[in-house]
Structure formats: structure tokens, C-alpha cells
């Protein structure tokens, strides 16, 4: 704070701040000459540096644009491939569904055919067993009837002579009906 006060004190004693118009005393010519020499001698150097920088920037921008265009092309190609892949996937799904349906139908047909064959065999076996049982029952009935008939015939025709006479009478009756 003390330095700040000293600055105002000095300014107040020497009549304030003013503009020095003496060109030689201020060194303005020296500064202008220095800037002129720097511009003249540095023009080629700065020009080449600026040209290099400009060409580097232009080349970088052009490379970036080329990469952007290439990326856009690859993106378009990838989108086309994606749409084609989606079409192929949907075709594969449709083919898979139709193949599944065909397989299920063929499996169903084969199962129906197998069941029909088994049912027909079972029915044939059942009918065969039914006929066999019917024949066995018939044979047993015939055997029982014959046994009862023999027993009744023995009871009715006890002696042999009577049976022989009955047989002869029956034969004689039949001969008469035939003639």
C-alpha cells in the first residue's frame, strides 16, 4: 500500500502524466525500424511457416473429410448388409417354420399310419380269438349234445335188438319216400 501512495505523490510533484512528443527521445523510430526489419527479413520465414501450417491444416481437413466420406460409405454398406441379413434371417425363419410344419405333418401322418396298423392288427387278433373261442364253444356244445344224445339213446334203446329194429324201420320208411 505504501508503494501505491508513493506513485501518487510522485505524480502530484511532477505535474501528472503526459505524452512525450519527442520522437528521438521516445525511441519510436527504433521500434518502427525494428518491426520493419523483422517483417522484411521474417516475411519469407514466417510466410513459409504459415504456408506449411496452412497446407497441414488443409491436408488435415481434407483427410478428415475423406475419412468421413469413407465412413459414410462403409455405414451405407453396413446398413445394406444389415437389411440383407435381416431379409435372409426372415427367410430362414419362414423356411424353418415351414420345415417344422412339414415335419410335424409327416410325423403325424406316420403316427396315424402306425396307429391304424396296430389297431388293425389288434382287431384282427381280437376277431381271430373270437372265432377260436366260438369254435371251441361250438365243439364243446356239440360234444355235450352228443354225449347227452348217446346217454338218452342208451336209455331209450336199451337193448340192441330194439335199436336195430328202429333203425331198420327208419330205413324202410326212407326207402319208401325216396321211391
N, C-alpha and C. Protein backbone atom coordinates (compact mmCIF):
# COMPACT_ATOMS: atom_id res chain seq x y z
N UNK A 1 0.81 -1.18 0.00
CA UNK A 1 0.00 0.00 0.00
C UNK A 1 0.87 1.26 0.00
N UNK A 2 2.00 1.12 0.58
CA UNK A 2 2.93 2.24 0.69
C UNK A 2 3.44 2.63 -0.69
N UNK A 3 3.71 1.67 -1.57
CA UNK A 3 4.16 1.96 -2.93
C UNK A 3 3.08 2.69 -3.72
N UNK A 4 1.88 2.35 -3.49
CA UNK A 4 0.76 2.96 -4.18
C UNK A 4 0.68 4.45 -3.82
N UNK A 5 0.86 4.72 -2.57
CA UNK A 5 0.85 6.12 -2.11
C UNK A 5 2.03 6.90 -2.72
N UNK A 6 3.18 6.26 -2.83
CA UNK A 6 4.36 6.94 -3.39
C UNK A 6 4.16 7.30 -4.85
N UNK A 7 3.46 6.45 -5.60
CA UNK A 7 3.21 6.73 -7.00
C UNK A 7 2.37 7.99 -7.13
N UNK A 8 1.33 8.13 -6.34
CA UNK A 8 0.50 9.34 -6.40
C UNK A 8 1.26 10.59 -5.93
N UNK A 9 2.14 10.40 -5.00
CA UNK A 9 2.94 11.53 -4.51
C UNK A 9 3.87 12.00 -5.61
N UNK A 10 4.55 11.12 -6.33
CA UNK A 10 5.44 11.47 -7.42
C UNK A 10 4.67 12.14 -8.55
N UNK A 11 3.54 11.65 -8.86
CA UNK A 11 2.74 12.23 -9.92
C UNK A 11 2.30 13.65 -9.56
N UNK A 12 1.95 13.86 -8.38
CA UNK A 12 1.50 15.19 -7.96
C UNK A 12 2.65 16.18 -8.00
N UNK A 13 3.87 15.79 -7.69
CA UNK A 13 5.03 16.68 -7.67
C UNK A 13 5.48 17.02 -9.08
N UNK A 14 5.39 16.12 -10.05
CA UNK A 14 5.93 16.36 -11.40
C UNK A 14 4.85 16.71 -12.41
N UNK A 15 3.82 17.22 -12.07
CA UNK A 15 2.75 17.73 -12.89
C UNK A 15 1.97 16.62 -13.61
N UNK A 16 1.86 15.48 -13.18
CA UNK A 16 0.99 14.43 -13.70
C UNK A 16 1.59 13.64 -14.84
N UNK A 17 0.71 12.93 -15.51
CA UNK A 17 1.11 12.06 -16.61
C UNK A 17 0.91 12.84 -17.89
N UNK A 18 1.87 12.73 -18.84
CA UNK A 18 1.77 13.46 -20.08
C UNK A 18 2.30 12.65 -21.23
N UNK A 19 2.12 13.16 -22.46
CA UNK A 19 2.55 12.48 -23.65
C UNK A 19 3.85 13.12 -24.13
N UNK A 20 4.86 12.31 -24.33
CA UNK A 20 6.16 12.79 -24.79
C UNK A 20 6.12 12.77 -26.30
N UNK A 21 6.19 13.91 -26.95
CA UNK A 21 6.10 14.02 -28.40
C UNK A 21 7.46 14.01 -29.07
N UNK A 22 8.52 13.95 -28.38
CA UNK A 22 9.86 13.91 -28.97
C UNK A 22 10.11 12.49 -29.47
N UNK A 23 10.18 12.36 -30.78
CA UNK A 23 10.32 11.05 -31.41
C UNK A 23 11.67 10.45 -31.08
N UNK A 24 12.73 11.23 -31.08
CA UNK A 24 14.06 10.68 -30.83
C UNK A 24 14.19 10.23 -29.38
N UNK A 25 13.57 10.93 -28.50
CA UNK A 25 13.69 10.58 -27.09
C UNK A 25 12.86 9.33 -26.75
N UNK A 26 11.77 9.15 -27.38
CA UNK A 26 10.91 8.02 -27.05
C UNK A 26 11.39 6.72 -27.65
N UNK A 27 12.16 6.72 -28.72
CA UNK A 27 12.67 5.50 -29.34
C UNK A 27 11.66 4.89 -30.29
N UNK A 28 10.68 5.70 -30.71
CA UNK A 28 9.65 5.23 -31.60
C UNK A 28 10.23 4.84 -32.95
N UNK A 29 11.18 5.60 -33.44
CA UNK A 29 11.81 5.26 -34.71
C UNK A 29 12.55 3.93 -34.61
N UNK A 30 13.16 3.72 -33.52
CA UNK A 30 13.87 2.44 -33.33
C UNK A 30 12.88 1.26 -33.36
N UNK A 31 11.76 1.45 -32.74
CA UNK A 31 10.76 0.36 -32.68
C UNK A 31 10.19 0.13 -34.08
N UNK A 32 9.90 1.22 -34.82
CA UNK A 32 9.34 1.07 -36.16
C UNK A 32 10.38 0.41 -37.06
N UNK A 33 11.63 0.80 -36.95
CA UNK A 33 12.69 0.20 -37.76
C UNK A 33 12.84 -1.28 -37.42
N UNK A 34 12.77 -1.58 -36.18
CA UNK A 34 12.90 -2.97 -35.74
C UNK A 34 11.75 -3.81 -36.28
N UNK A 35 10.54 -3.29 -36.21
CA UNK A 35 9.37 -4.02 -36.72
C UNK A 35 9.50 -4.17 -38.23
N UNK A 36 9.95 -3.12 -38.94
CA UNK A 36 10.11 -3.18 -40.39
C UNK A 36 11.14 -4.23 -40.78
N UNK A 37 12.27 -4.23 -40.10
CA UNK A 37 13.32 -5.22 -40.38
C UNK A 37 12.80 -6.62 -40.11
N UNK A 38 12.11 -6.79 -39.01
CA UNK A 38 11.55 -8.11 -38.68
C UNK A 38 10.55 -8.58 -39.74
N UNK A 39 9.71 -7.65 -40.19
CA UNK A 39 8.72 -8.03 -41.20
C UNK A 39 9.43 -8.35 -42.50
N UNK A 40 10.41 -7.52 -42.91
CA UNK A 40 11.08 -7.73 -44.17
C UNK A 40 11.88 -9.02 -44.16
N UNK A 41 12.68 -9.22 -43.12
CA UNK A 41 13.53 -10.42 -43.07
C UNK A 41 12.73 -11.66 -42.65
N UNK A 42 11.74 -11.48 -41.85
CA UNK A 42 10.98 -12.64 -41.36
C UNK A 42 9.82 -13.02 -42.26
N UNK A 43 9.57 -12.17 -43.30
CA UNK A 43 8.44 -12.45 -44.18
C UNK A 43 8.58 -13.81 -44.84
N UNK A 44 9.75 -14.12 -45.38
CA UNK A 44 9.95 -15.42 -46.03
C UNK A 44 9.84 -16.55 -45.00
N UNK A 45 10.48 -16.35 -43.87
CA UNK A 45 10.46 -17.37 -42.83
C UNK A 45 9.04 -17.56 -42.29
N UNK A 46 8.38 -16.45 -41.93
CA UNK A 46 7.01 -16.55 -41.40
C UNK A 46 6.06 -17.00 -42.49
N UNK A 47 6.29 -16.53 -43.73
CA UNK A 47 5.44 -16.94 -44.85
C UNK A 47 5.52 -18.44 -45.08
N UNK A 48 6.73 -18.98 -45.06
CA UNK A 48 6.89 -20.42 -45.27
C UNK A 48 6.28 -21.21 -44.12
N UNK A 49 6.47 -20.69 -42.89
CA UNK A 49 5.86 -21.37 -41.73
C UNK A 49 4.34 -21.34 -41.82
N UNK A 50 3.81 -20.18 -42.20
CA UNK A 50 2.35 -20.06 -42.31
C UNK A 50 1.82 -20.91 -43.47
N UNK A 51 2.57 -20.96 -44.57
CA UNK A 51 2.15 -21.80 -45.69
C UNK A 51 2.16 -23.28 -45.29
N UNK A 52 3.22 -23.69 -44.59
CA UNK A 52 3.29 -25.08 -44.13
C UNK A 52 2.14 -25.39 -43.19
N UNK A 53 1.89 -24.46 -42.29
CA UNK A 53 0.79 -24.65 -41.33
C UNK A 53 -0.55 -24.70 -42.06
N UNK A 54 -0.71 -23.80 -43.05
CA UNK A 54 -1.94 -23.77 -43.82
C UNK A 54 -2.12 -25.08 -44.59
N UNK A 55 -1.04 -25.53 -45.25
CA UNK A 55 -1.14 -26.77 -46.03
C UNK A 55 -1.39 -27.96 -45.11
N UNK A 56 -0.78 -27.94 -43.92
CA UNK A 56 -1.02 -29.02 -42.95
C UNK A 56 -2.47 -29.03 -42.51
N UNK A 57 -3.00 -27.84 -42.24
CA UNK A 57 -4.40 -27.74 -41.81
C UNK A 57 -5.33 -28.16 -42.93
N UNK A 58 -5.05 -27.68 -44.16
CA UNK A 58 -5.89 -28.04 -45.31
C UNK A 58 -5.83 -29.54 -45.54
N UNK A 59 -4.62 -30.09 -45.45
CA UNK A 59 -4.47 -31.53 -45.65
C UNK A 59 -5.21 -32.30 -44.56
N UNK A 60 -5.11 -31.84 -43.32
CA UNK A 60 -5.81 -32.50 -42.21
C UNK A 60 -7.32 -32.44 -42.41
N UNK A 61 -7.82 -31.27 -42.85
CA UNK A 61 -9.26 -31.14 -43.09
C UNK A 61 -9.68 -32.05 -44.24
N UNK A 62 -8.86 -32.07 -45.30
CA UNK A 62 -9.18 -32.92 -46.45
C UNK A 62 -9.17 -34.40 -46.04
N UNK A 63 -8.17 -34.80 -45.26
CA UNK A 63 -8.11 -36.19 -44.77
C UNK A 63 -9.32 -36.51 -43.91
N UNK A 64 -9.69 -35.55 -43.06
CA UNK A 64 -10.87 -35.77 -42.21
C UNK A 64 -12.13 -35.91 -43.05
N UNK A 65 -12.26 -35.07 -44.10
CA UNK A 65 -13.41 -35.18 -44.99
C UNK A 65 -13.40 -36.51 -45.74
N UNK A 66 -12.21 -36.92 -46.20
CA UNK A 66 -12.10 -38.22 -46.88
C UNK A 66 -12.48 -39.36 -45.96
N UNK A 67 -11.99 -39.31 -44.72
CA UNK A 67 -12.34 -40.35 -43.75
C UNK A 67 -13.83 -40.33 -43.45
N UNK A 68 -14.41 -39.12 -43.37
CA UNK A 68 -15.85 -39.00 -43.14
C UNK A 68 -16.63 -39.61 -44.30
N UNK A 69 -16.22 -39.29 -45.52
CA UNK A 69 -16.90 -39.86 -46.69
C UNK A 69 -16.75 -41.37 -46.73
N UNK A 70 -15.56 -41.83 -46.43
CA UNK A 70 -15.32 -43.28 -46.40
C UNK A 70 -16.16 -43.94 -45.31
N UNK A 71 -16.23 -43.30 -44.16
CA UNK A 71 -17.05 -43.83 -43.06
C UNK A 71 -18.52 -43.86 -43.45
N UNK A 72 -18.98 -42.81 -44.17
CA UNK A 72 -20.37 -42.79 -44.62
C UNK A 72 -20.63 -43.93 -45.61
N UNK A 73 -19.67 -44.16 -46.52
CA UNK A 73 -19.81 -45.25 -47.48
C UNK A 73 -19.88 -46.60 -46.75
N UNK A 74 -18.96 -46.78 -45.79
CA UNK A 74 -18.97 -48.03 -45.04
C UNK A 74 -20.25 -48.19 -44.23
N UNK A 75 -20.76 -47.07 -43.68
CA UNK A 75 -22.01 -47.12 -42.94
C UNK A 75 -23.15 -47.52 -43.87
N UNK A 76 -23.21 -46.92 -45.06
CA UNK A 76 -24.25 -47.29 -46.03
C UNK A 76 -24.16 -48.76 -46.42
N UNK A 77 -22.91 -49.22 -46.66
CA UNK A 77 -22.71 -50.63 -47.00
C UNK A 77 -23.13 -51.53 -45.85
N UNK A 78 -22.76 -51.13 -44.63
CA UNK A 78 -23.13 -51.93 -43.46
C UNK A 78 -24.65 -51.96 -43.28
N UNK A 79 -25.31 -50.82 -43.53
CA UNK A 79 -26.77 -50.80 -43.43
C UNK A 79 -27.40 -51.69 -44.49
N UNK A 80 -26.84 -51.67 -45.71
CA UNK A 80 -27.34 -52.55 -46.77
C UNK A 80 -27.15 -54.01 -46.37
N UNK A 81 -25.97 -54.32 -45.85
CA UNK A 81 -25.70 -55.69 -45.42
C UNK A 81 -26.62 -56.09 -44.28
N UNK A 82 -26.89 -55.15 -43.38
CA UNK A 82 -27.81 -55.43 -42.27
C UNK A 82 -29.20 -55.72 -42.79
N UNK A 83 -29.66 -54.91 -43.74
CA UNK A 83 -31.00 -55.15 -44.29
C UNK A 83 -31.04 -56.48 -45.04
N UNK A 84 -29.96 -56.79 -45.77
CA UNK A 84 -29.90 -58.08 -46.46
C UNK A 84 -29.86 -59.23 -45.45
N UNK A 85 -29.10 -59.04 -44.38
CA UNK A 85 -29.03 -60.07 -43.34
C UNK A 85 -30.39 -60.25 -42.70
N UNK A 86 -31.11 -59.15 -42.47
CA UNK A 86 -32.46 -59.26 -41.88
C UNK A 86 -33.40 -60.00 -42.82
N UNK A 87 -33.27 -59.73 -44.13
CA UNK A 87 -34.09 -60.45 -45.11
C UNK A 87 -33.75 -61.93 -45.09
N UNK A 88 -32.46 -62.25 -45.07
CA UNK A 88 -32.03 -63.65 -45.03
C UNK A 88 -32.52 -64.32 -43.75
N UNK A 89 -32.43 -63.60 -42.64
CA UNK A 89 -32.89 -64.16 -41.36
C UNK A 89 -34.38 -64.42 -41.40
N UNK A 90 -35.15 -63.48 -41.94
CA UNK A 90 -36.60 -63.70 -42.02
C UNK A 90 -36.91 -64.86 -42.97
N UNK A 91 -36.16 -64.99 -44.07
CA UNK A 91 -36.34 -66.13 -44.97
C UNK A 91 -36.03 -67.44 -44.26
N UNK A 92 -34.94 -67.44 -43.50
CA UNK A 92 -34.56 -68.65 -42.76
C UNK A 92 -35.63 -68.99 -41.73
N UNK A 93 -36.16 -67.96 -41.04
CA UNK A 93 -37.22 -68.21 -40.06
C UNK A 93 -38.45 -68.80 -40.74
N UNK A 94 -38.84 -68.23 -41.89
CA UNK A 94 -40.00 -68.74 -42.62
C UNK A 94 -39.77 -70.17 -43.08
N UNK A 95 -38.56 -70.45 -43.60
CA UNK A 95 -38.24 -71.80 -44.05
C UNK A 95 -38.24 -72.77 -42.86
N UNK A 96 -37.74 -72.30 -41.72
CA UNK A 96 -37.71 -73.15 -40.53
C UNK A 96 -39.13 -73.48 -40.09
N UNK A 97 -39.99 -72.47 -40.10
CA UNK A 97 -41.38 -72.70 -39.69
C UNK A 97 -42.06 -73.68 -40.65
N UNK A 98 -41.86 -73.47 -41.96
CA UNK A 98 -42.50 -74.38 -42.92
C UNK A 98 -41.92 -75.79 -42.80
N UNK A 99 -40.62 -75.89 -42.57
CA UNK A 99 -40.00 -77.21 -42.39
C UNK A 99 -40.54 -77.89 -41.13
N UNK A 100 -40.69 -77.12 -40.06
CA UNK A 100 -41.27 -77.68 -38.82
C UNK A 100 -42.69 -78.19 -39.07
N UNK A 101 -43.47 -77.38 -39.82
CA UNK A 101 -44.84 -77.81 -40.11
C UNK A 101 -44.84 -79.09 -40.92
N UNK A 102 -43.96 -79.15 -41.94
CA UNK A 102 -43.90 -80.35 -42.77
C UNK A 102 -43.47 -81.56 -41.95
N UNK A 103 -42.48 -81.36 -41.08
CA UNK A 103 -42.02 -82.47 -40.24
C UNK A 103 -43.12 -82.92 -39.29
N UNK A 104 -43.83 -81.96 -38.70
CA UNK A 104 -44.93 -82.32 -37.80
C UNK A 104 -46.04 -83.06 -38.56
N UNK A 105 -46.33 -82.60 -39.78
CA UNK A 105 -47.36 -83.26 -40.57
C UNK A 105 -46.92 -84.67 -40.95
N UNK A 106 -45.66 -84.82 -41.35
CA UNK A 106 -45.18 -86.15 -41.72
C UNK A 106 -45.12 -87.05 -40.49
N UNK A 107 -44.71 -86.51 -39.35
CA UNK A 107 -44.71 -87.29 -38.11
C UNK A 107 -46.13 -87.67 -37.73
N UNK A 108 -47.05 -86.74 -37.89
CA UNK A 108 -48.45 -87.01 -37.59
C UNK A 108 -49.00 -88.09 -38.51
N UNK A 109 -48.69 -87.97 -39.80
CA UNK A 109 -49.14 -88.97 -40.77
C UNK A 109 -48.56 -90.34 -40.43
N UNK A 110 -47.26 -90.38 -40.12
CA UNK A 110 -46.61 -91.65 -39.78
C UNK A 110 -47.21 -92.24 -38.50
N UNK A 111 -47.49 -91.37 -37.52
CA UNK A 111 -48.08 -91.85 -36.26
C UNK A 111 -49.49 -92.39 -36.52
N UNK A 112 -50.27 -91.69 -37.35
CA UNK A 112 -51.62 -92.16 -37.68
C UNK A 112 -51.55 -93.50 -38.40
N UNK A 113 -50.62 -93.60 -39.34
CA UNK A 113 -50.47 -94.85 -40.10
C UNK A 113 -50.06 -95.99 -39.17
N UNK A 114 -49.12 -95.72 -38.28
CA UNK A 114 -48.68 -96.73 -37.33
C UNK A 114 -49.82 -97.15 -36.40
N UNK A 115 -50.58 -96.16 -35.91
CA UNK A 115 -51.72 -96.48 -35.04
C UNK A 115 -52.78 -97.28 -35.79
N UNK A 116 -53.02 -96.96 -37.06
CA UNK A 116 -54.00 -97.71 -37.85
C UNK A 116 -53.55 -99.15 -38.02
N UNK A 117 -52.25 -99.32 -38.33
CA UNK A 117 -51.73 -100.68 -38.49
C UNK A 117 -51.86 -101.45 -37.18
N UNK A 118 -51.52 -100.84 -36.08
CA UNK A 118 -51.62 -101.51 -34.78
C UNK A 118 -53.08 -101.82 -34.44
N UNK A 119 -53.97 -100.86 -34.72
CA UNK A 119 -55.39 -101.08 -34.44
C UNK A 119 -55.93 -102.22 -35.30
N UNK A 120 -55.55 -102.23 -36.60
CA UNK A 120 -55.99 -103.30 -37.48
C UNK A 120 -55.47 -104.65 -37.01
N UNK A 121 -54.23 -104.70 -36.58
CA UNK A 121 -53.67 -105.96 -36.05
C UNK A 121 -54.41 -106.41 -34.79
N UNK A 122 -54.64 -105.43 -33.90
CA UNK A 122 -55.35 -105.76 -32.66
C UNK A 122 -56.76 -106.25 -32.98
N UNK A 123 -57.44 -105.61 -33.93
CA UNK A 123 -58.78 -106.01 -34.32
C UNK A 123 -58.76 -107.40 -34.95
N UNK A 124 -57.77 -107.66 -35.81
CA UNK A 124 -57.65 -108.98 -36.43
C UNK A 124 -57.37 -110.04 -35.38
N UNK A 125 -56.50 -109.71 -34.43
CA UNK A 125 -56.20 -110.65 -33.33
C UNK A 125 -57.45 -110.92 -32.51
N UNK A 126 -58.21 -109.85 -32.24
CA UNK A 126 -59.44 -109.99 -31.46
C UNK A 126 -60.44 -110.88 -32.20
N UNK A 127 -60.63 -110.65 -33.52
CA UNK A 127 -61.57 -111.45 -34.29
C UNK A 127 -61.11 -112.90 -34.39
N UNK A 128 -59.81 -113.09 -34.53
CA UNK A 128 -59.27 -114.45 -34.58
C UNK A 128 -59.53 -115.18 -33.27
N UNK A 129 -59.27 -114.48 -32.16
CA UNK A 129 -59.53 -115.08 -30.84
C UNK A 129 -61.03 -115.35 -30.67
N UNK A 130 -61.84 -114.40 -31.17
CA UNK A 130 -63.30 -114.57 -31.06
C UNK A 130 -63.75 -115.81 -31.82
N UNK A 131 -63.24 -115.99 -33.06
CA UNK A 131 -63.60 -117.18 -33.85
C UNK A 131 -63.10 -118.45 -33.18
N UNK A 132 -61.89 -118.37 -32.66
CA UNK A 132 -61.31 -119.55 -32.00
C UNK A 132 -62.16 -119.93 -30.79
N UNK A 133 -62.53 -118.92 -29.99
CA UNK A 133 -63.36 -119.19 -28.81
C UNK A 133 -64.73 -119.72 -29.25
N UNK A 134 -65.31 -119.13 -30.33
CA UNK A 134 -66.59 -119.58 -30.84
C UNK A 134 -66.52 -121.04 -31.29
N UNK A 135 -65.43 -121.37 -32.01
CA UNK A 135 -65.25 -122.75 -32.48
C UNK A 135 -65.10 -123.69 -31.28
N UNK A 136 -64.33 -123.31 -30.29
CA UNK A 136 -64.14 -124.15 -29.11
C UNK A 136 -65.46 -124.36 -28.36
N UNK A 137 -66.23 -123.24 -28.22
CA UNK A 137 -67.53 -123.36 -27.54
C UNK A 137 -68.47 -124.26 -28.35
N UNK A 138 -68.45 -124.09 -29.66
CA UNK A 138 -69.29 -124.90 -30.53
C UNK A 138 -68.92 -126.38 -30.41
N UNK A 139 -67.61 -126.65 -30.41
CA UNK A 139 -67.15 -128.03 -30.27
C UNK A 139 -67.58 -128.61 -28.92
N UNK A 140 -67.47 -127.80 -27.87
CA UNK A 140 -67.87 -128.27 -26.55
C UNK A 140 -69.38 -128.53 -26.50
N UNK A 141 -70.16 -127.61 -27.14
CA UNK A 141 -71.61 -127.80 -27.17
C UNK A 141 -71.95 -129.07 -27.93
N UNK A 142 -71.30 -129.24 -29.09
CA UNK A 142 -71.56 -130.45 -29.89
C UNK A 142 -71.18 -131.69 -29.10
N UNK A 143 -70.04 -131.63 -28.42
CA UNK A 143 -69.61 -132.78 -27.62
C UNK A 143 -70.62 -133.06 -26.51
N UNK A 144 -71.11 -132.01 -25.85
CA UNK A 144 -72.11 -132.19 -24.78
C UNK A 144 -73.41 -132.75 -25.35
N UNK A 145 -73.84 -132.20 -26.51
CA UNK A 145 -75.09 -132.68 -27.12
C UNK A 145 -74.94 -134.15 -27.52
N UNK A 146 -73.81 -134.48 -28.11
CA UNK A 146 -73.59 -135.89 -28.50
C UNK A 146 -73.57 -136.81 -27.29
N UNK A 147 -72.89 -136.33 -26.25
CA UNK A 147 -72.85 -137.15 -25.03
C UNK A 147 -74.26 -137.35 -24.46
N UNK A 148 -75.04 -136.27 -24.41
CA UNK A 148 -76.41 -136.38 -23.88
C UNK A 148 -77.26 -137.25 -24.81
N UNK A 149 -77.02 -137.08 -26.13
CA UNK A 149 -77.79 -137.88 -27.08
C UNK A 149 -77.45 -139.35 -26.91
N UNK A 150 -76.22 -139.65 -26.75
CA UNK A 150 -75.80 -141.04 -26.55
C UNK A 150 -76.41 -141.58 -25.27
N UNK A 151 -76.37 -140.76 -24.22
CA UNK A 151 -76.94 -141.21 -22.95
C UNK A 151 -78.44 -141.44 -23.11
N UNK A 152 -79.16 -140.54 -23.77
CA UNK A 152 -80.60 -140.69 -23.96
C UNK A 152 -80.90 -141.88 -24.88
N UNK A 153 -80.06 -142.00 -25.93
CA UNK A 153 -80.29 -143.13 -26.83
C UNK A 153 -80.10 -144.45 -26.10
N UNK A 154 -79.13 -144.50 -25.26
CA UNK A 154 -78.90 -145.74 -24.48
C UNK A 154 -80.06 -145.99 -23.54
N UNK A 155 -80.56 -144.92 -22.98
CA UNK A 155 -81.70 -145.08 -22.07
C UNK A 155 -82.94 -145.50 -22.85
N UNK A 156 -83.16 -144.86 -24.01
CA UNK A 156 -84.37 -145.14 -24.78
C UNK A 156 -84.27 -146.48 -25.51
N UNK A 157 -83.14 -146.79 -26.01
CA UNK A 157 -82.97 -148.01 -26.80
C UNK A 157 -82.11 -149.01 -26.07
N UNK A 158 -82.35 -149.21 -24.91
CA UNK A 158 -81.57 -150.08 -24.05
C UNK A 158 -81.02 -151.31 -24.74
N UNK A 159 -81.85 -152.25 -25.13
CA UNK A 159 -81.31 -153.45 -25.77
C UNK A 159 -80.95 -153.15 -27.23
N UNK A 160 -80.09 -153.94 -27.78
CA UNK A 160 -79.61 -153.78 -29.13
C UNK A 160 -80.66 -154.15 -30.16
N UNK A 161 -81.45 -155.10 -29.90
CA UNK A 161 -82.44 -155.55 -30.86
C UNK A 161 -83.44 -154.45 -31.15
N UNK A 162 -83.84 -153.78 -30.15
CA UNK A 162 -84.81 -152.71 -30.36
C UNK A 162 -84.19 -151.62 -31.20
N UNK A 163 -82.93 -151.22 -30.98
CA UNK A 163 -82.24 -150.22 -31.76
C UNK A 163 -82.14 -150.67 -33.19
N UNK A 164 -81.83 -151.93 -33.40
CA UNK A 164 -81.70 -152.46 -34.74
C UNK A 164 -83.04 -152.42 -35.44
N UNK A 165 -84.09 -152.74 -34.75
CA UNK A 165 -85.41 -152.72 -35.35
C UNK A 165 -85.81 -151.30 -35.69
N UNK A 166 -85.53 -150.37 -34.82
CA UNK A 166 -85.86 -148.96 -35.06
C UNK A 166 -85.09 -148.44 -36.26
N UNK A 167 -83.87 -148.80 -36.38
CA UNK A 167 -83.04 -148.36 -37.49
C UNK A 167 -83.59 -148.94 -38.79
N UNK A 168 -83.93 -150.21 -38.79
CA UNK A 168 -84.46 -150.86 -39.99
C UNK A 168 -85.78 -150.23 -40.39
N UNK A 169 -86.65 -149.94 -39.43
CA UNK A 169 -87.93 -149.29 -39.73
C UNK A 169 -87.69 -147.91 -40.35
N UNK A 170 -86.76 -147.17 -39.82
CA UNK A 170 -86.46 -145.84 -40.34
C UNK A 170 -85.92 -145.93 -41.75
N UNK A 171 -85.07 -146.91 -42.00
CA UNK A 171 -84.52 -147.08 -43.34
C UNK A 171 -85.63 -147.48 -44.31
N UNK A 172 -86.51 -148.32 -43.89
CA UNK A 172 -87.63 -148.76 -44.76
C UNK A 172 -88.54 -147.57 -45.07
N UNK A 173 -88.77 -146.73 -44.10
CA UNK A 173 -89.60 -145.55 -44.34
C UNK A 173 -88.92 -144.61 -45.34
N UNK A 174 -87.67 -144.46 -45.18
CA UNK A 174 -86.95 -143.57 -46.05
C UNK A 174 -86.91 -144.14 -47.46
N UNK A 175 -86.81 -145.44 -47.60
CA UNK A 175 -86.80 -146.04 -48.93
C UNK A 175 -88.12 -145.85 -49.61
N UNK A 176 -89.14 -145.88 -48.87
CA UNK A 176 -90.46 -145.67 -49.43
C UNK A 176 -90.64 -144.25 -49.88
N UNK A 177 -90.12 -143.30 -49.14
CA UNK A 177 -90.25 -141.89 -49.51
C UNK A 177 -89.37 -141.57 -50.71
N UNK A 178 -88.30 -142.28 -50.88
CA UNK A 178 -87.37 -141.99 -51.97
C UNK A 178 -87.87 -142.55 -53.26
N UNK A 179 -88.64 -143.66 -53.22
CA UNK A 179 -89.10 -144.30 -54.45
C UNK A 179 -90.32 -143.64 -54.88
